[in-house]
Amino acid sequence: MQNSEKLKNLLELEIIPDLEIAIDEMFEVIDKAKKATPTQKEELEELREMRTDCFAIVDELSRDEIEQEEIDALLEELMELKSV
C-alpha cells in the first residue's frame, strides 16, 4: 500500500471519526452547561478546523494534488500524533 493510500485511510478511518466524536462530546458538555465558555468555543473551533483540513487533504489526495514528500511528512506527523 502506498503512503498516499495509508494517509487517506488514516484520515478517513481514524482521524476524522475521532475528531467528529470529540466535536460531539464538546457539544454535549456545552449543552449540559447551557452555555459555552470562551475556552470551549475556542476548542470547538479548533476541532472543526482540523476536521475541515482533514477533509481537504482527503480531497487533494483523491485528485492526486499532493506531492509525495508532503504525503510522507503528513503521514509521519499524524502517526506520531496517534501514538501519543
Protein backbone atom coordinates (compact mmCIF):
# COMPACT_ATOMS: atom_id res chain seq x y z
CA MET A 1 0.00 0.00 0.00
CA GLN A 2 1.36 3.40 -0.97
CA ASN A 3 1.75 6.16 1.60
CA SER A 4 -0.98 8.16 -0.13
CA GLU A 5 -3.42 5.30 0.46
CA LYS A 6 -2.20 4.90 4.04
CA LEU A 7 -2.68 8.61 4.67
CA LYS A 8 -6.16 8.62 3.15
CA ASN A 9 -7.18 5.56 5.18
CA LEU A 10 -5.74 7.01 8.37
CA LEU A 11 -7.68 10.23 7.85
CA GLU A 12 -10.96 8.62 6.79
CA LEU A 13 -10.98 5.68 9.19
CA GLU A 14 -9.35 7.11 12.30
CA ILE A 15 -8.58 10.82 12.45
CA ILE A 16 -11.84 12.25 11.05
CA PRO A 17 -14.07 9.91 13.09
CA ASP A 18 -12.06 10.74 16.23
CA LEU A 19 -12.49 14.46 15.54
CA GLU A 20 -16.22 14.02 14.99
CA ILE A 21 -16.54 12.16 18.30
CA ALA A 22 -14.61 14.92 20.07
CA ILE A 23 -16.86 17.57 18.48
CA ASP A 24 -19.98 15.66 19.53
CA GLU A 25 -18.65 15.29 23.08
CA MET A 26 -17.88 19.00 23.23
CA PHE A 27 -21.44 19.81 22.13
CA GLU A 28 -22.79 17.51 24.85
CA VAL A 29 -20.72 19.28 27.52
CA ILE A 30 -21.83 22.69 26.24
CA ASP A 31 -25.46 21.55 26.07
CA LYS A 32 -25.41 20.33 29.68
CA ALA A 33 -23.92 23.62 30.86
CA LYS A 34 -26.39 25.55 28.64
CA LYS A 35 -23.55 27.89 27.65
CA ALA A 36 -20.06 27.54 26.20
CA THR A 37 -17.08 29.07 27.92
CA PRO A 38 -14.59 31.00 25.78
CA THR A 39 -12.17 28.08 26.13
CA GLN A 40 -14.80 25.62 24.95
CA LYS A 41 -15.67 27.83 21.99
CA GLU A 42 -12.01 28.03 21.03
CA GLU A 43 -11.51 24.28 21.40
CA LEU A 44 -14.63 23.56 19.35
CA GLU A 45 -13.45 25.90 16.60
CA GLU A 46 -10.02 24.21 16.55
CA LEU A 47 -11.62 20.76 16.27
CA ARG A 48 -13.82 21.93 13.41
CA GLU A 49 -10.84 23.48 11.61
CA MET A 50 -8.85 20.27 11.99
CA ARG A 51 -11.76 18.26 10.58
CA THR A 52 -12.07 20.66 7.64
CA ASP A 53 -8.33 20.42 7.00
CA CYS A 54 -8.53 16.62 7.06
CA PHE A 55 -11.38 16.59 4.55
CA ALA A 56 -9.36 18.95 2.33
CA ILE A 57 -6.35 16.64 2.46
CA VAL A 58 -8.51 13.64 1.54
CA ASP A 59 -9.94 15.62 -1.36
CA GLU A 60 -6.47 16.63 -2.55
CA LEU A 61 -5.30 13.02 -2.28
CA SER A 62 -8.26 11.90 -4.39
CA ARG A 63 -7.29 14.42 -7.07
CA ASP A 64 -3.59 13.48 -6.81
CA GLU A 65 -2.67 17.08 -5.94
CA ILE A 66 -0.22 16.45 -3.10
CA GLU A 67 3.48 15.88 -3.66
CA GLN A 68 4.93 12.62 -2.36
CA GLU A 69 7.22 14.43 0.10
CA GLU A 70 4.24 16.21 1.65
CA ILE A 71 2.29 12.94 1.84
CA ASP A 72 5.19 11.26 3.63
CA ALA A 73 5.58 14.16 6.07
CA LEU A 74 1.83 14.31 6.83
CA LEU A 75 1.64 10.56 7.34
CA GLU A 76 4.63 10.60 9.67
CA GLU A 77 3.26 13.53 11.67
CA LEU A 78 -0.21 12.01 12.03
CA MET A 79 1.21 8.63 13.02
CA GLU A 80 3.24 10.34 15.75
CA LEU A 81 0.15 12.17 16.99
CA LYS A 82 -1.88 8.96 17.05
CA SER A 83 0.77 7.22 19.15
CA VAL A 84 0.84 9.95 21.82
